[in-house]
Amino acid sequence: MAKFSKFIIFVVVLIVLSLSLLFGSASESEADAKAEAASTAFIEKTIASHSIVIFSKSYCPYCRRAKAVFKELDQVPHVVELDERDDGWVIQKALSKTVGRHTVPQVFINGKHIGGSDDTVEAYENGELAKLLGIATDDERDEF
């Protein structure tokens, strides 16, 4: 009889733990959804508030390359260093849903998504970046 009682207690504990995990994960999912919604709002507000935005990580060589392009153009981007924020991973997750890429950097000019490092460098080299920023390139300045 003692073995049967221990078995019943074990089953009850197992059921209680299973239910707490089931309902606990629903609460966590709701919290994750709220955090992601807040991050999406942050992304949208940031992009709308600044003419140049780079979502970056401070240690990333591709991010440094994208930032260097704007330095060459004497432009100062608003940089969000995701690795230096407590909510950086949530912002990056929301950003990946927004742009369809999980990598950094992600560059925006006047609200338009330019892309990552290679896209930014290419736009710089072909003059598209200067056009989007409304600035004259060295070639255009030489003409005057």
Protein backbone atom coordinates (compact mmCIF):
# COMPACT_ATOMS: atom_id res chain seq x y z
CA MET A 1 0.00 0.00 0.00
CA ALA A 2 2.89 2.39 0.75
CA LYS A 3 4.27 1.88 -2.74
CA PHE A 4 0.87 2.72 -4.24
CA SER A 5 0.64 5.96 -2.15
CA LYS A 6 4.10 7.03 -3.28
CA PHE A 7 3.13 6.32 -6.86
CA ILE A 8 -0.05 8.45 -6.53
CA ILE A 9 1.93 11.30 -4.98
CA PHE A 10 4.47 11.04 -7.81
CA VAL A 11 1.71 11.17 -10.45
CA VAL A 12 0.03 14.16 -8.79
CA VAL A 13 3.34 16.04 -8.57
CA LEU A 14 4.05 15.20 -12.21
CA ILE A 15 0.61 16.52 -13.26
CA VAL A 16 1.05 19.72 -11.25
CA LEU A 17 4.50 20.35 -12.74
CA SER A 18 3.20 19.67 -16.24
CA LEU A 19 0.33 22.10 -15.80
CA SER A 20 2.59 24.80 -14.38
CA LEU A 21 4.95 24.40 -17.32
CA LEU A 22 2.05 24.53 -19.75
CA PHE A 23 0.52 27.67 -18.26
CA GLY A 24 3.92 29.20 -17.45
CA SER A 25 5.00 28.98 -21.07
CA ALA A 26 1.80 30.73 -22.16
CA SER A 27 2.67 33.62 -19.87
CA GLU A 28 6.22 33.68 -21.19
CA SER A 29 4.89 33.67 -24.76
CA GLU A 30 2.69 36.64 -23.94
CA ALA A 31 5.66 38.43 -22.38
CA ASP A 32 7.79 37.64 -25.44
CA ALA A 33 5.06 38.96 -27.74
CA LYS A 34 4.81 42.18 -25.72
CA ALA A 35 8.59 42.63 -25.74
CA GLU A 36 8.69 42.06 -29.48
CA ALA A 37 5.84 44.54 -30.05
CA ALA A 38 7.70 47.13 -27.95
CA SER A 39 10.87 46.45 -29.95
CA THR A 40 9.02 46.84 -33.24
CA ALA A 41 7.65 50.17 -32.02
CA PHE A 42 11.18 51.21 -30.99
CA ILE A 43 12.52 50.28 -34.44
CA GLU A 44 9.79 52.21 -36.24
CA LYS A 45 10.20 55.28 -34.02
CA THR A 46 13.98 55.24 -34.39
CA ILE A 47 13.81 54.96 -38.18
CA ALA A 48 11.23 57.76 -38.36
CA SER A 49 13.24 60.04 -36.03
CA HIS A 50 16.63 59.90 -37.79
CA SER A 51 17.66 60.29 -41.41
CA ILE A 52 20.36 57.61 -41.13
CA VAL A 53 19.99 54.62 -38.80
CA ILE A 54 22.32 51.66 -38.41
CA PHE A 55 21.36 48.69 -36.26
CA SER A 56 24.78 47.35 -35.36
CA LYS A 57 26.93 45.36 -32.97
CA SER A 58 30.03 47.11 -31.67
CA TYR A 59 32.40 44.21 -32.33
CA CYS A 60 31.16 43.40 -35.84
CA PRO A 61 33.60 44.14 -38.70
CA TYR A 62 30.75 44.41 -41.23
CA CYS A 63 29.08 47.01 -39.01
CA ARG A 64 32.33 48.97 -38.79
CA ARG A 65 32.57 48.88 -42.58
CA ALA A 66 29.03 50.26 -42.98
CA LYS A 67 29.71 53.01 -40.41
CA ALA A 68 32.95 53.91 -42.23
CA VAL A 69 30.98 54.61 -45.42
CA PHE A 70 29.03 57.37 -43.68
CA LYS A 71 32.22 58.78 -42.19
CA GLU A 72 33.60 59.02 -45.75
CA LEU A 73 30.48 61.00 -46.69
CA ASP A 74 30.78 63.26 -43.60
CA GLN A 75 27.43 61.98 -42.37
CA VAL A 76 26.67 61.02 -38.78
CA PRO A 77 24.28 58.07 -38.51
CA HIS A 78 22.20 57.22 -35.48
CA VAL A 79 23.70 53.89 -34.40
CA VAL A 80 21.89 51.37 -32.22
CA GLU A 81 24.50 48.99 -30.81
CA LEU A 82 22.40 45.91 -30.12
CA ASP A 83 25.11 44.16 -28.09
CA GLU A 84 25.22 47.07 -25.66
CA ARG A 85 21.51 46.96 -24.85
CA ASP A 86 19.72 44.58 -22.49
CA ASP A 87 16.92 44.26 -25.05
CA GLY A 88 19.24 44.02 -28.04
CA TRP A 89 18.37 40.40 -28.84
CA VAL A 90 14.65 41.21 -28.81
CA ILE A 91 15.22 44.22 -31.08
CA GLN A 92 17.27 42.07 -33.45
CA LYS A 93 14.51 39.45 -33.53
CA ALA A 94 11.90 42.11 -34.33
CA LEU A 95 14.23 43.69 -36.88
CA SER A 96 14.66 40.35 -38.64
CA LYS A 97 10.89 40.09 -39.00
CA THR A 98 10.76 43.64 -40.35
CA VAL A 99 13.55 43.34 -42.94
CA GLY A 100 13.72 39.59 -43.48
CA ARG A 101 17.36 39.32 -42.36
CA HIS A 102 18.79 38.32 -39.01
CA THR A 103 22.26 39.78 -39.59
CA VAL A 104 23.75 43.16 -38.73
CA PRO A 105 24.27 45.81 -39.79
CA GLN A 106 20.88 46.86 -41.08
CA VAL A 107 20.93 50.36 -42.55
CA PHE A 108 18.02 52.73 -43.12
CA ILE A 109 18.09 56.07 -44.92
CA ASN A 110 15.11 58.41 -44.72
CA GLY A 111 12.98 55.49 -43.60
CA LYS A 112 14.06 53.25 -46.49
CA HIS A 113 15.83 49.96 -45.76
CA ILE A 114 19.14 49.93 -47.66
CA GLY A 115 20.33 46.53 -46.44
CA GLY A 116 23.49 45.30 -44.83
CA SER A 117 27.15 46.11 -45.19
CA ASP A 118 27.61 44.91 -48.77
CA ASP A 119 24.45 46.72 -49.87
CA THR A 120 25.60 49.94 -48.20
CA VAL A 121 29.08 49.79 -49.72
CA GLU A 122 27.62 49.06 -53.16
CA ALA A 123 25.18 51.99 -52.86
CA TYR A 124 28.12 54.21 -51.84
CA GLU A 125 30.27 53.09 -54.75
CA ASN A 126 27.57 53.51 -57.40
CA GLY A 127 26.45 56.93 -56.06
CA GLU A 128 22.99 55.79 -54.94
CA LEU A 129 23.80 56.51 -51.30
CA ALA A 130 24.75 60.12 -52.04
CA LYS A 131 21.51 60.54 -54.00
CA LEU A 132 19.43 59.15 -51.15
CA LEU A 133 21.17 61.49 -48.73
CA GLY A 134 20.87 64.46 -51.07
CA ILE A 135 24.59 65.21 -51.02
CA ALA A 136 27.00 65.89 -53.84
CA THR A 137 29.70 63.33 -54.53
CA ASP A 138 33.33 64.32 -55.14
CA ASP A 139 32.76 63.89 -58.89
CA GLU A 140 29.78 66.27 -58.79
CA ARG A 141 31.71 68.84 -56.73
CA ASP A 142 34.57 68.76 -59.27
CA GLU A 143 32.14 69.77 -62.02
CA PHE A 144 31.44 73.15 -60.38
